[in-house]
Amino acid sequence: MRLGTIVKIRDEWRDPNETENTLYVVKENNGDRSVIELKDCDLPLKPTETVQDYMIEEA
């Protein structure tokens, strides 16, 4: 995934408290994994996750 790409977590990898409308922005790509940040979040430190690229798809 390229930096700045808006993505969502695929259905099979999504947490139960997340919806399909939860969007993330790719902040870093390390080959087969990406660091994603929650989009449209007003917190000073936005939540991030490191995921395998096969776990996400473009929104």
Protein backbone atom coordinates (compact mmCIF):
# COMPACT_ATOMS: atom_id res chain seq x y z
CA MET A 1 0.00 0.00 0.00
CA ARG A 2 1.17 3.53 -0.75
CA LEU A 3 1.47 6.22 1.89
CA GLY A 4 -1.72 8.23 2.30
CA THR A 5 -3.98 5.51 0.87
CA ILE A 6 -7.35 5.29 2.66
CA VAL A 7 -8.05 1.69 3.63
CA LYS A 8 -10.35 -0.47 5.73
CA ILE A 9 -9.71 -3.75 7.46
CA ARG A 10 -11.11 -6.78 5.63
CA ASP A 11 -14.20 -8.44 7.14
CA GLU A 12 -12.38 -11.55 8.38
CA TRP A 13 -9.79 -9.47 10.32
CA ARG A 14 -12.07 -6.75 11.72
CA ASP A 15 -12.65 -6.45 15.47
CA PRO A 16 -16.25 -6.95 16.62
CA ASN A 17 -16.53 -3.31 17.74
CA GLU A 18 -15.50 -1.97 14.32
CA THR A 19 -17.83 -1.43 11.40
CA GLU A 20 -17.08 -1.70 7.71
CA ASN A 21 -17.16 2.10 7.64
CA THR A 22 -14.14 2.45 9.97
CA LEU A 23 -11.44 3.99 7.80
CA TYR A 24 -7.67 4.24 8.22
CA VAL A 25 -4.83 6.07 6.46
CA VAL A 26 -1.58 4.29 5.58
CA LYS A 27 1.20 6.15 7.43
CA GLU A 28 4.11 3.77 6.74
CA ASN A 29 4.71 0.77 4.50
CA ASN A 30 7.34 -1.84 5.29
CA GLY A 31 7.03 -4.17 2.32
CA ASP A 32 4.48 -6.76 3.49
CA ARG A 33 3.01 -4.78 6.38
CA SER A 34 1.68 -1.27 6.93
CA VAL A 35 1.21 1.10 9.84
CA ILE A 36 -2.32 2.48 9.64
CA GLU A 37 -3.84 5.39 11.56
CA LEU A 38 -7.52 5.91 12.36
CA LYS A 39 -8.98 8.50 9.97
CA ASP A 40 -11.16 11.39 11.19
CA CYS A 41 -10.06 11.05 14.80
CA ASP A 42 -9.84 14.19 16.96
CA LEU A 43 -7.48 12.79 19.60
CA PRO A 44 -4.06 14.44 19.91
CA LEU A 45 -2.37 11.04 19.49
CA LYS A 46 -4.31 9.10 16.89
CA PRO A 47 -4.57 5.32 17.36
CA THR A 48 -2.31 3.30 15.04
CA GLU A 49 -2.00 -0.38 14.18
CA THR A 50 0.56 -2.46 12.33
CA VAL A 51 -1.14 -4.95 10.01
CA GLN A 52 -0.15 -7.33 7.24
CA ASP A 53 -1.07 -5.94 3.82
CA TYR A 54 -3.40 -8.90 3.11
CA MET A 55 -5.53 -7.79 6.10
CA ILE A 56 -6.53 -4.45 4.52
CA GLU A 57 -8.14 -3.23 1.33
CA GLU A 58 -8.59 0.16 -0.31
CA ALA A 59 -11.75 1.94 0.71
